[in-house]
């Protein structure tokens, strides 16, 4: 999943090839995630992202991240490191296996950032990954109903169903025109929703 970004730093790749080394990061995730906010030093941001991409393969690391209340750093970097959006979405997907992180994402407004990517990104892969991530959040047993309710404030329910069934089809459906009992959707509706979400993200 994260192979591409690890290749950019062979020293990190060598370090994390050692079994169990990611456990050394437990207890230090507040510092590590804070490095994602170093917008004046992209190398530091990318290096922190590489480490995070690796440690999120470990369930104990994911639990420690969930206990640290630091997700906001990762969400914001979606826009400060646009070339790495797919990797960041992959990281978020791994983290959303934990209900606490889904709850944090919903409480901190991450849904608006993700919907903005789904509606307005020019990269199909980013939009599909975002749809897949939103579907996983919506599938959480405890918080999922609230996620789907929040999605329903912006998009017709048919889109949440399509995200679950096929992210790729969901993107095509969003770009299309539909007029049937399940979905009434056209260019005006799409532009209105996309603009409203962008406005909310920029506030």
N, C-alpha and C. Protein backbone atom coordinates (compact mmCIF):
# COMPACT_ATOMS: atom_id res chain seq x y z
N UNK A 1 0.82 -1.20 0.00
CA UNK A 1 0.00 0.00 0.00
C UNK A 1 0.86 1.26 0.00
N UNK A 2 1.91 1.28 0.85
CA UNK A 2 2.72 2.47 0.98
C UNK A 2 4.11 2.29 0.36
N UNK A 3 4.28 1.31 -0.51
CA UNK A 3 5.59 0.95 -1.03
C UNK A 3 6.28 2.12 -1.72
N UNK A 4 5.52 2.88 -2.51
CA UNK A 4 6.11 3.95 -3.31
C UNK A 4 6.79 5.01 -2.48
N UNK A 5 6.14 5.46 -1.41
CA UNK A 5 6.72 6.54 -0.62
C UNK A 5 7.93 6.06 0.16
N UNK A 6 7.96 4.80 0.58
CA UNK A 6 9.12 4.31 1.33
C UNK A 6 10.35 4.22 0.44
N UNK A 7 10.16 3.99 -0.84
CA UNK A 7 11.29 3.90 -1.74
C UNK A 7 12.04 5.22 -1.88
N UNK A 8 11.37 6.34 -1.57
CA UNK A 8 12.01 7.64 -1.73
C UNK A 8 13.08 7.87 -0.68
N UNK A 9 13.11 7.09 0.39
CA UNK A 9 14.12 7.22 1.43
C UNK A 9 14.65 5.83 1.77
N UNK A 10 15.75 5.42 1.15
CA UNK A 10 16.26 4.06 1.36
C UNK A 10 16.68 3.79 2.80
N UNK A 11 17.09 4.84 3.53
CA UNK A 11 17.50 4.65 4.92
C UNK A 11 16.31 4.27 5.80
N UNK A 12 15.18 4.96 5.56
CA UNK A 12 13.97 4.59 6.30
C UNK A 12 13.51 3.20 5.93
N UNK A 13 13.61 2.88 4.64
CA UNK A 13 13.20 1.55 4.18
C UNK A 13 14.02 0.46 4.87
N UNK A 14 15.33 0.70 4.99
CA UNK A 14 16.21 -0.25 5.65
C UNK A 14 15.88 -0.37 7.13
N UNK A 15 15.65 0.78 7.77
CA UNK A 15 15.34 0.79 9.20
C UNK A 15 14.07 0.01 9.50
N UNK A 16 13.01 0.27 8.72
CA UNK A 16 11.73 -0.36 9.00
C UNK A 16 11.64 -1.78 8.46
N UNK A 17 12.69 -2.23 7.79
CA UNK A 17 12.74 -3.63 7.40
C UNK A 17 13.03 -4.52 8.61
N UNK A 18 13.55 -3.91 9.68
CA UNK A 18 13.84 -4.64 10.91
C UNK A 18 12.53 -4.94 11.64
N UNK A 19 12.33 -6.16 11.98
CA UNK A 19 11.07 -6.59 12.62
C UNK A 19 10.85 -5.88 13.96
N UNK A 20 9.68 -5.29 14.11
CA UNK A 20 9.30 -4.69 15.39
C UNK A 20 9.81 -3.30 15.65
N UNK A 21 10.56 -2.72 14.71
CA UNK A 21 11.15 -1.40 14.97
C UNK A 21 10.08 -0.33 15.10
N UNK A 22 8.93 -0.52 14.44
CA UNK A 22 7.86 0.49 14.52
C UNK A 22 7.34 0.66 15.94
N UNK A 23 7.52 -0.37 16.79
CA UNK A 23 7.05 -0.28 18.17
C UNK A 23 7.79 0.80 18.95
N UNK A 24 8.98 1.18 18.48
CA UNK A 24 9.75 2.23 19.16
C UNK A 24 9.09 3.60 19.03
N UNK A 25 8.14 3.72 18.11
CA UNK A 25 7.44 5.00 17.92
C UNK A 25 6.31 5.20 18.91
N UNK A 26 5.88 4.13 19.56
CA UNK A 26 4.77 4.24 20.52
C UNK A 26 5.16 5.19 21.65
N UNK A 27 4.26 6.11 21.94
CA UNK A 27 4.53 7.13 22.94
C UNK A 27 5.10 8.41 22.37
N UNK A 28 5.42 8.40 21.07
CA UNK A 28 6.03 9.57 20.44
C UNK A 28 5.22 10.11 19.26
N UNK A 29 3.98 9.66 19.15
CA UNK A 29 3.21 10.05 17.96
C UNK A 29 2.78 11.51 17.97
N UNK A 30 2.64 12.12 19.13
CA UNK A 30 2.32 13.56 19.15
C UNK A 30 3.43 14.36 18.48
N UNK A 31 4.66 14.03 18.79
CA UNK A 31 5.80 14.71 18.17
C UNK A 31 5.86 14.41 16.68
N UNK A 32 5.70 13.15 16.33
CA UNK A 32 5.81 12.74 14.93
C UNK A 32 4.74 13.42 14.07
N UNK A 33 3.51 13.43 14.53
CA UNK A 33 2.43 14.05 13.76
C UNK A 33 2.58 15.57 13.71
N UNK A 34 3.15 16.16 14.77
CA UNK A 34 3.36 17.61 14.77
C UNK A 34 4.32 18.03 13.66
N UNK A 35 5.22 17.14 13.27
CA UNK A 35 6.16 17.45 12.18
C UNK A 35 5.45 17.63 10.85
N UNK A 36 4.24 17.09 10.73
CA UNK A 36 3.47 17.27 9.50
C UNK A 36 3.07 18.73 9.30
N UNK A 37 3.12 19.52 10.36
CA UNK A 37 2.74 20.93 10.27
C UNK A 37 3.91 21.84 9.89
N UNK A 38 5.07 21.26 9.66
CA UNK A 38 6.26 22.05 9.29
C UNK A 38 6.20 22.43 7.82
N UNK A 39 5.27 23.32 7.46
CA UNK A 39 5.02 23.63 6.06
C UNK A 39 6.20 24.31 5.38
N UNK A 40 7.06 24.94 6.16
CA UNK A 40 8.23 25.61 5.56
C UNK A 40 9.35 24.63 5.24
N UNK A 41 9.19 23.39 5.66
CA UNK A 41 10.22 22.37 5.40
C UNK A 41 9.55 21.10 4.88
N UNK A 42 9.38 21.04 3.57
CA UNK A 42 8.67 19.92 2.95
C UNK A 42 9.37 18.59 3.19
N UNK A 43 10.70 18.61 3.27
CA UNK A 43 11.43 17.36 3.50
C UNK A 43 11.07 16.76 4.85
N UNK A 44 10.89 17.61 5.86
CA UNK A 44 10.50 17.14 7.18
C UNK A 44 9.09 16.55 7.12
N UNK A 45 8.19 17.25 6.42
CA UNK A 45 6.82 16.73 6.27
C UNK A 45 6.82 15.37 5.59
N UNK A 46 7.57 15.28 4.50
CA UNK A 46 7.59 14.01 3.76
C UNK A 46 8.22 12.89 4.58
N UNK A 47 9.28 13.22 5.32
CA UNK A 47 9.92 12.21 6.16
C UNK A 47 8.98 11.69 7.23
N UNK A 48 8.26 12.61 7.88
CA UNK A 48 7.28 12.21 8.90
C UNK A 48 6.19 11.36 8.29
N UNK A 49 5.77 11.73 7.09
CA UNK A 49 4.72 10.97 6.41
C UNK A 49 5.18 9.56 6.09
N UNK A 50 6.43 9.41 5.70
CA UNK A 50 6.96 8.08 5.40
C UNK A 50 6.94 7.19 6.63
N UNK A 51 7.34 7.76 7.77
CA UNK A 51 7.34 6.98 9.00
C UNK A 51 5.91 6.59 9.38
N UNK A 52 5.00 7.54 9.30
CA UNK A 52 3.60 7.28 9.66
C UNK A 52 3.00 6.21 8.75
N UNK A 53 3.33 6.30 7.46
CA UNK A 53 2.82 5.31 6.50
C UNK A 53 3.27 3.90 6.86
N UNK A 54 4.44 3.80 7.43
CA UNK A 54 4.98 2.49 7.80
C UNK A 54 4.39 1.97 9.11
N UNK A 55 4.32 2.83 10.12
CA UNK A 55 3.89 2.36 11.44
C UNK A 55 2.40 2.02 11.48
N UNK A 56 1.61 2.59 10.57
CA UNK A 56 0.17 2.30 10.61
C UNK A 56 -0.16 0.88 10.15
N UNK A 57 0.85 0.11 9.75
CA UNK A 57 0.64 -1.31 9.47
C UNK A 57 0.52 -2.11 10.76
N UNK A 58 0.94 -1.49 11.87
CA UNK A 58 0.98 -2.17 13.16
C UNK A 58 -0.25 -1.77 14.00
N UNK A 59 -1.00 -2.76 14.45
CA UNK A 59 -2.25 -2.49 15.17
C UNK A 59 -2.01 -1.74 16.48
N UNK A 60 -0.93 -2.08 17.18
CA UNK A 60 -0.64 -1.39 18.44
C UNK A 60 -0.30 0.07 18.20
N UNK A 61 0.38 0.35 17.10
CA UNK A 61 0.68 1.74 16.75
C UNK A 61 -0.60 2.50 16.42
N UNK A 62 -1.49 1.86 15.70
CA UNK A 62 -2.78 2.49 15.37
C UNK A 62 -3.55 2.82 16.64
N UNK A 63 -3.55 1.91 17.61
CA UNK A 63 -4.25 2.16 18.87
C UNK A 63 -3.62 3.33 19.63
N UNK A 64 -2.29 3.43 19.59
CA UNK A 64 -1.62 4.53 20.29
C UNK A 64 -1.91 5.87 19.60
N UNK A 65 -1.95 5.85 18.27
CA UNK A 65 -2.32 7.06 17.52
C UNK A 65 -3.74 7.47 17.89
N UNK A 66 -4.63 6.50 17.98
CA UNK A 66 -6.03 6.79 18.33
C UNK A 66 -6.14 7.43 19.71
N UNK A 67 -5.27 7.03 20.63
CA UNK A 67 -5.31 7.56 21.99
C UNK A 67 -4.67 8.94 22.10
N UNK A 68 -3.99 9.38 21.03
CA UNK A 68 -3.22 10.62 21.09
C UNK A 68 -3.96 11.85 20.61
N UNK A 69 -5.12 11.67 19.95
CA UNK A 69 -5.95 12.79 19.50
C UNK A 69 -5.16 13.75 18.59
N UNK A 70 -4.59 13.21 17.51
CA UNK A 70 -3.69 13.99 16.66
C UNK A 70 -4.05 13.91 15.18
N UNK A 71 -5.23 13.42 14.88
CA UNK A 71 -5.60 13.18 13.49
C UNK A 71 -5.61 14.46 12.64
N UNK A 72 -5.89 15.59 13.26
CA UNK A 72 -6.03 16.84 12.51
C UNK A 72 -4.79 17.17 11.70
N UNK A 73 -3.60 16.84 12.21
CA UNK A 73 -2.36 17.11 11.47
C UNK A 73 -2.36 16.37 10.13
N UNK A 74 -2.84 15.15 10.14
CA UNK A 74 -2.84 14.32 8.93
C UNK A 74 -3.87 14.82 7.93
N UNK A 75 -4.99 15.29 8.42
CA UNK A 75 -6.04 15.79 7.53
C UNK A 75 -5.59 17.07 6.83
N UNK A 76 -4.98 17.98 7.58
CA UNK A 76 -4.54 19.25 7.00
C UNK A 76 -3.47 19.04 5.94
N UNK A 77 -2.59 18.06 6.15
CA UNK A 77 -1.49 17.84 5.21
C UNK A 77 -1.98 17.30 3.86
N UNK A 78 -3.24 16.90 3.79
CA UNK A 78 -3.83 16.54 2.49
C UNK A 78 -3.69 17.69 1.49
N UNK A 79 -3.69 18.92 2.01
CA UNK A 79 -3.63 20.09 1.13
C UNK A 79 -2.26 20.74 1.09
N UNK A 80 -1.39 20.46 2.06
CA UNK A 80 -0.04 21.03 2.03
C UNK A 80 0.95 20.12 1.30
N UNK A 81 0.59 18.84 1.15
CA UNK A 81 1.40 17.91 0.36
C UNK A 81 0.51 17.24 -0.69
N UNK A 82 0.01 18.01 -1.65
CA UNK A 82 -0.97 17.46 -2.60
C UNK A 82 -0.44 16.30 -3.43
N UNK A 83 0.87 16.24 -3.66
CA UNK A 83 1.44 15.14 -4.44
C UNK A 83 1.35 13.81 -3.71
N UNK A 84 1.09 13.85 -2.41
CA UNK A 84 1.05 12.63 -1.60
C UNK A 84 -0.36 12.33 -1.10
N UNK A 85 -1.37 12.89 -1.75
CA UNK A 85 -2.74 12.70 -1.27
C UNK A 85 -3.16 11.23 -1.24
N UNK A 86 -2.79 10.46 -2.24
CA UNK A 86 -3.18 9.05 -2.26
C UNK A 86 -2.57 8.31 -1.07
N UNK A 87 -1.30 8.59 -0.78
CA UNK A 87 -0.65 7.95 0.36
C UNK A 87 -1.32 8.35 1.66
N UNK A 88 -1.64 9.63 1.80
CA UNK A 88 -2.30 10.10 3.02
C UNK A 88 -3.67 9.44 3.18
N UNK A 89 -4.38 9.31 2.09
CA UNK A 89 -5.68 8.63 2.14
C UNK A 89 -5.53 7.16 2.51
N UNK A 90 -4.46 6.52 2.03
CA UNK A 90 -4.18 5.14 2.43
C UNK A 90 -3.91 5.04 3.93
N UNK A 91 -3.16 6.02 4.46
CA UNK A 91 -2.89 6.04 5.90
C UNK A 91 -4.20 6.21 6.67
N UNK A 92 -5.01 7.16 6.23
CA UNK A 92 -6.29 7.39 6.89
C UNK A 92 -7.17 6.15 6.84
N UNK A 93 -7.13 5.44 5.72
CA UNK A 93 -7.92 4.21 5.58
C UNK A 93 -7.50 3.18 6.63
N UNK A 94 -6.19 3.04 6.82
CA UNK A 94 -5.68 2.11 7.83
C UNK A 94 -6.12 2.54 9.23
N UNK A 95 -6.07 3.84 9.49
CA UNK A 95 -6.44 4.34 10.82
C UNK A 95 -7.93 4.19 11.11
N UNK A 96 -8.75 4.26 10.08
CA UNK A 96 -10.20 4.21 10.28
C UNK A 96 -10.71 2.82 10.65
N UNK A 97 -9.79 1.89 10.86
CA UNK A 97 -10.19 0.58 11.39
C UNK A 97 -10.55 0.69 12.87
N UNK A 98 -10.25 1.85 13.47
CA UNK A 98 -10.49 2.08 14.89
C UNK A 98 -11.63 3.07 15.08
N UNK A 99 -12.64 2.67 15.83
CA UNK A 99 -13.81 3.53 16.03
C UNK A 99 -13.43 4.88 16.61
N UNK A 100 -12.47 4.92 17.52
CA UNK A 100 -12.09 6.19 18.15
C UNK A 100 -11.60 7.19 17.12
N UNK A 101 -10.88 6.72 16.11
CA UNK A 101 -10.37 7.63 15.09
C UNK A 101 -11.50 8.08 14.16
N UNK A 102 -12.42 7.19 13.86
CA UNK A 102 -13.59 7.59 13.06
C UNK A 102 -14.36 8.68 13.80
N UNK A 103 -14.53 8.50 15.09
CA UNK A 103 -15.24 9.49 15.91
C UNK A 103 -14.49 10.81 15.93
N UNK A 104 -13.17 10.75 16.07
CA UNK A 104 -12.35 11.96 16.07
C UNK A 104 -12.44 12.68 14.72
N UNK A 105 -12.37 11.90 13.65
CA UNK A 105 -12.45 12.49 12.30
C UNK A 105 -13.76 13.23 12.10
N UNK A 106 -14.84 12.64 12.58
CA UNK A 106 -16.15 13.27 12.44
C UNK A 106 -16.23 14.54 13.29
N UNK A 107 -15.71 14.47 14.51
CA UNK A 107 -15.77 15.62 15.42
C UNK A 107 -14.89 16.78 14.97
N UNK A 108 -13.76 16.47 14.31
CA UNK A 108 -12.81 17.52 13.92
C UNK A 108 -13.08 18.07 12.52
N UNK A 109 -14.14 17.64 11.87
CA UNK A 109 -14.48 18.20 10.57
C UNK A 109 -13.75 17.58 9.40
N UNK A 110 -13.14 16.42 9.61
CA UNK A 110 -12.40 15.77 8.52
C UNK A 110 -13.32 15.43 7.34
N UNK A 111 -14.59 15.22 7.63
CA UNK A 111 -15.54 14.86 6.58
C UNK A 111 -15.61 15.94 5.50
N UNK A 112 -15.52 17.20 5.89
CA UNK A 112 -15.56 18.30 4.92
C UNK A 112 -14.35 18.25 4.00
N UNK A 113 -13.17 18.01 4.57
CA UNK A 113 -11.95 17.92 3.76
C UNK A 113 -12.05 16.75 2.78
N UNK A 114 -12.56 15.64 3.25
CA UNK A 114 -12.67 14.46 2.39
C UNK A 114 -13.72 14.66 1.30
N UNK A 115 -14.84 15.25 1.65
CA UNK A 115 -15.86 15.53 0.64
C UNK A 115 -15.35 16.52 -0.40
N UNK A 116 -14.53 17.46 0.02
CA UNK A 116 -13.95 18.42 -0.93
C UNK A 116 -13.07 17.69 -1.95
N UNK A 117 -12.29 16.73 -1.48
CA UNK A 117 -11.47 15.93 -2.40
C UNK A 117 -12.35 15.11 -3.33
N UNK A 118 -13.38 14.49 -2.77
CA UNK A 118 -14.26 13.67 -3.60
C UNK A 118 -14.95 14.50 -4.68
N UNK A 119 -15.40 15.67 -4.32
CA UNK A 119 -16.17 16.50 -5.26
C UNK A 119 -15.29 17.29 -6.22
N UNK A 120 -14.11 17.72 -5.77
CA UNK A 120 -13.37 18.74 -6.52
C UNK A 120 -11.98 18.35 -6.98
N UNK A 121 -11.44 17.22 -6.53
CA UNK A 121 -10.11 16.84 -6.98
C UNK A 121 -10.11 16.56 -8.49
N UNK A 122 -9.00 16.92 -9.13
CA UNK A 122 -8.87 16.65 -10.57
C UNK A 122 -8.26 15.27 -10.84
N UNK A 123 -7.89 14.56 -9.77
CA UNK A 123 -7.25 13.25 -9.91
C UNK A 123 -8.26 12.13 -9.62
N UNK A 124 -8.62 11.32 -10.61
CA UNK A 124 -9.58 10.23 -10.38
C UNK A 124 -9.17 9.29 -9.25
N UNK A 125 -7.87 8.98 -9.15
CA UNK A 125 -7.41 8.06 -8.10
C UNK A 125 -7.68 8.64 -6.72
N UNK A 126 -7.49 9.94 -6.57
CA UNK A 126 -7.75 10.60 -5.28
C UNK A 126 -9.24 10.54 -4.95
N UNK A 127 -10.07 10.79 -5.93
CA UNK A 127 -11.51 10.78 -5.69
C UNK A 127 -12.00 9.38 -5.33
N UNK A 128 -11.47 8.37 -6.01
CA UNK A 128 -11.88 6.99 -5.72
C UNK A 128 -11.40 6.55 -4.34
N UNK A 129 -10.16 6.91 -3.99
CA UNK A 129 -9.64 6.57 -2.66
C UNK A 129 -10.46 7.25 -1.58
N UNK A 130 -10.85 8.50 -1.85
CA UNK A 130 -11.66 9.24 -0.87
C UNK A 130 -13.02 8.58 -0.68
N UNK A 131 -13.63 8.16 -1.78
CA UNK A 131 -14.92 7.46 -1.69
C UNK A 131 -14.77 6.16 -0.89
N UNK A 132 -13.68 5.45 -1.12
CA UNK A 132 -13.42 4.21 -0.39
C UNK A 132 -13.26 4.48 1.11
N UNK A 133 -12.56 5.57 1.42
CA UNK A 133 -12.35 5.95 2.82
C UNK A 133 -13.67 6.35 3.49
N UNK A 134 -14.46 7.15 2.81
CA UNK A 134 -15.75 7.55 3.36
C UNK A 134 -16.66 6.34 3.59
N UNK A 135 -16.59 5.37 2.68
CA UNK A 135 -17.37 4.15 2.84
C UNK A 135 -16.94 3.38 4.09
N UNK A 136 -15.64 3.34 4.33
CA UNK A 136 -15.15 2.63 5.52
C UNK A 136 -15.60 3.34 6.79
N UNK A 137 -15.55 4.66 6.78
CA UNK A 137 -16.03 5.41 7.94
C UNK A 137 -17.52 5.15 8.16
N UNK A 138 -18.28 5.11 7.08
CA UNK A 138 -19.71 4.88 7.19
C UNK A 138 -20.07 3.47 7.62
N UNK A 139 -19.12 2.54 7.49
CA UNK A 139 -19.36 1.15 7.86
C UNK A 139 -19.04 0.87 9.33
N UNK A 140 -18.46 1.84 10.04
CA UNK A 140 -18.14 1.63 11.45
C UNK A 140 -19.43 1.35 12.23
N UNK A 141 -19.38 0.33 13.08
CA UNK A 141 -20.61 -0.12 13.76
C UNK A 141 -21.17 0.93 14.71
N UNK A 142 -20.30 1.70 15.35
CA UNK A 142 -20.78 2.66 16.34
C UNK A 142 -20.98 4.06 15.77
N UNK A 143 -20.01 4.54 15.00
CA UNK A 143 -20.04 5.93 14.51
C UNK A 143 -20.56 6.02 13.08
N UNK A 144 -20.56 4.88 12.38
CA UNK A 144 -20.96 4.87 10.97
C UNK A 144 -22.30 5.53 10.69
N UNK A 145 -23.35 5.27 11.49
CA UNK A 145 -24.63 5.93 11.23
C UNK A 145 -24.55 7.45 11.26
N UNK A 146 -23.72 8.00 12.16
CA UNK A 146 -23.54 9.45 12.22
C UNK A 146 -22.78 9.96 11.00
N UNK A 147 -21.82 9.17 10.53
CA UNK A 147 -21.09 9.54 9.32
C UNK A 147 -22.04 9.60 8.13
N UNK A 148 -22.87 8.58 7.99
CA UNK A 148 -23.82 8.54 6.87
C UNK A 148 -24.83 9.68 6.96
N UNK A 149 -25.23 10.00 8.17
CA UNK A 149 -26.15 11.13 8.37
C UNK A 149 -25.49 12.44 7.94
N UNK A 150 -24.21 12.61 8.31
CA UNK A 150 -23.48 13.82 7.93
C UNK A 150 -23.30 13.89 6.41
N UNK A 151 -23.00 12.76 5.79
CA UNK A 151 -22.88 12.73 4.32
C UNK A 151 -24.20 13.13 3.67
N UNK A 152 -25.30 12.69 4.27
CA UNK A 152 -26.61 12.97 3.71
C UNK A 152 -26.99 14.43 3.74
N UNK A 153 -26.27 15.22 4.51
CA UNK A 153 -26.53 16.67 4.52
C UNK A 153 -26.01 17.34 3.26
N UNK A 154 -25.10 16.65 2.57
CA UNK A 154 -24.50 17.24 1.37
C UNK A 154 -24.84 16.47 0.09
N UNK A 155 -24.93 15.15 0.21
CA UNK A 155 -25.15 14.31 -0.97
C UNK A 155 -26.38 13.43 -0.79
N UNK A 156 -27.10 13.14 -1.87
CA UNK A 156 -28.21 12.19 -1.79
C UNK A 156 -27.73 10.83 -1.27
N UNK A 157 -28.61 10.11 -0.60
CA UNK A 157 -28.25 8.83 0.01
C UNK A 157 -27.69 7.83 -0.99
N UNK A 158 -28.08 7.95 -2.25
CA UNK A 158 -27.60 7.02 -3.28
C UNK A 158 -26.08 7.04 -3.40
N UNK A 159 -25.45 8.18 -3.10
CA UNK A 159 -24.00 8.26 -3.21
C UNK A 159 -23.31 7.47 -2.10
N UNK A 160 -23.85 7.50 -0.90
CA UNK A 160 -23.27 6.71 0.19
C UNK A 160 -23.35 5.23 -0.13
N UNK A 161 -24.46 4.80 -0.72
CA UNK A 161 -24.60 3.40 -1.12
C UNK A 161 -23.58 3.04 -2.20
N UNK A 162 -23.39 3.94 -3.16
CA UNK A 162 -22.45 3.68 -4.26
C UNK A 162 -21.01 3.66 -3.76
N UNK A 163 -20.68 4.50 -2.79
CA UNK A 163 -19.34 4.48 -2.20
C UNK A 163 -19.04 3.12 -1.61
N UNK A 164 -20.03 2.54 -0.96
CA UNK A 164 -19.86 1.23 -0.34
C UNK A 164 -19.71 0.13 -1.38
N UNK A 165 -20.47 0.21 -2.46
CA UNK A 165 -20.50 -0.85 -3.46
C UNK A 165 -19.33 -0.76 -4.44
N UNK A 166 -19.02 0.45 -4.90
CA UNK A 166 -17.95 0.64 -5.88
C UNK A 166 -17.54 2.10 -5.93
N UNK A 167 -16.39 2.45 -5.32
CA UNK A 167 -15.92 3.84 -5.35
C UNK A 167 -15.78 4.39 -6.77
N UNK A 168 -15.32 3.56 -7.69
CA UNK A 168 -15.14 4.02 -9.06
C UNK A 168 -16.48 4.39 -9.70
N UNK A 169 -17.48 3.53 -9.53
CA UNK A 169 -18.80 3.82 -10.07
C UNK A 169 -19.39 5.06 -9.39
N UNK A 170 -19.11 5.23 -8.11
CA UNK A 170 -19.62 6.39 -7.39
C UNK A 170 -19.10 7.70 -7.99
N UNK A 171 -17.82 7.72 -8.35
CA UNK A 171 -17.24 8.91 -8.97
C UNK A 171 -17.92 9.19 -10.31
N UNK A 172 -18.11 8.15 -11.11
CA UNK A 172 -18.78 8.32 -12.40
C UNK A 172 -20.22 8.80 -12.20
N UNK A 173 -20.86 8.28 -11.18
CA UNK A 173 -22.24 8.67 -10.89
C UNK A 173 -22.31 10.15 -10.50
N UNK A 174 -21.32 10.59 -9.73
CA UNK A 174 -21.28 12.00 -9.31
C UNK A 174 -21.13 12.92 -10.52
N UNK A 175 -20.37 12.49 -11.51
CA UNK A 175 -20.12 13.31 -12.70
C UNK A 175 -21.26 13.25 -13.71
N UNK A 176 -22.18 12.32 -13.53
CA UNK A 176 -23.25 12.12 -14.50
C UNK A 176 -24.50 12.92 -14.19
N UNK A 177 -25.51 12.70 -15.01
CA UNK A 177 -26.83 13.31 -14.82
C UNK A 177 -27.84 12.19 -14.63
N UNK A 178 -28.65 12.30 -13.59
CA UNK A 178 -29.58 11.23 -13.25
C UNK A 178 -30.94 11.82 -12.90
N UNK A 179 -31.97 11.18 -13.38
CA UNK A 179 -33.33 11.59 -13.04
C UNK A 179 -34.19 10.34 -12.95
N UNK A 180 -34.26 9.81 -11.73
CA UNK A 180 -35.05 8.61 -11.46
C UNK A 180 -35.54 8.66 -10.02
N UNK A 181 -36.40 7.72 -9.61
CA UNK A 181 -36.94 7.78 -8.24
C UNK A 181 -35.87 7.76 -7.15
N UNK A 182 -34.72 7.12 -7.42
CA UNK A 182 -33.67 7.01 -6.41
C UNK A 182 -32.76 8.24 -6.37
N UNK A 183 -32.61 8.93 -7.51
CA UNK A 183 -31.64 10.02 -7.57
C UNK A 183 -32.01 11.03 -8.64
N UNK A 184 -32.10 12.28 -8.22
CA UNK A 184 -32.23 13.40 -9.16
C UNK A 184 -30.97 14.24 -9.01
N UNK A 185 -30.18 14.27 -10.09
CA UNK A 185 -28.83 14.87 -10.00
C UNK A 185 -28.45 15.41 -11.37
N UNK A 186 -28.01 16.67 -11.40
CA UNK A 186 -27.60 17.28 -12.66
C UNK A 186 -26.43 18.23 -12.43
N UNK A 187 -26.02 18.96 -13.47
CA UNK A 187 -24.87 19.84 -13.36
C UNK A 187 -25.06 20.91 -12.29
N UNK A 188 -26.25 21.47 -12.21
CA UNK A 188 -26.50 22.52 -11.22
C UNK A 188 -26.36 21.98 -9.80
N UNK A 189 -26.91 20.80 -9.56
CA UNK A 189 -26.80 20.19 -8.23
C UNK A 189 -25.35 19.90 -7.88
N UNK A 190 -24.62 19.36 -8.86
CA UNK A 190 -23.21 19.04 -8.63
C UNK A 190 -22.40 20.29 -8.32
N UNK A 191 -22.57 21.34 -9.10
CA UNK A 191 -21.82 22.57 -8.88
C UNK A 191 -22.19 23.23 -7.55
N UNK A 192 -23.45 23.17 -7.21
CA UNK A 192 -23.91 23.77 -5.96
C UNK A 192 -23.29 23.06 -4.75
N UNK A 193 -23.30 21.73 -4.78
CA UNK A 193 -22.72 20.96 -3.68
C UNK A 193 -21.21 21.16 -3.61
N UNK A 194 -20.54 21.08 -4.75
CA UNK A 194 -19.08 21.22 -4.79
C UNK A 194 -18.64 22.58 -4.27
N UNK A 195 -19.33 23.63 -4.67
CA UNK A 195 -18.99 24.98 -4.23
C UNK A 195 -19.24 25.16 -2.73
N UNK A 196 -20.34 24.62 -2.25
CA UNK A 196 -20.67 24.75 -0.83
C UNK A 196 -19.63 24.06 0.04
N UNK A 197 -19.18 22.88 -0.38
CA UNK A 197 -18.19 22.13 0.39
C UNK A 197 -16.85 22.85 0.38
N UNK A 198 -16.43 23.36 -0.76
CA UNK A 198 -15.18 24.11 -0.83
C UNK A 198 -15.24 25.33 0.08
N UNK A 199 -16.36 26.02 0.08
CA UNK A 199 -16.53 27.20 0.94
C UNK A 199 -16.39 26.82 2.41
N UNK A 200 -16.99 25.72 2.81
CA UNK A 200 -16.89 25.28 4.20
C UNK A 200 -15.46 24.91 4.56
N UNK A 201 -14.75 24.26 3.65
CA UNK A 201 -13.36 23.88 3.94
C UNK A 201 -12.47 25.10 4.11
N UNK A 202 -12.73 26.13 3.34
CA UNK A 202 -11.87 27.32 3.35
C UNK A 202 -12.18 28.27 4.50
N UNK A 203 -13.29 28.04 5.19
CA UNK A 203 -13.65 28.93 6.30
C UNK A 203 -12.67 28.81 7.47
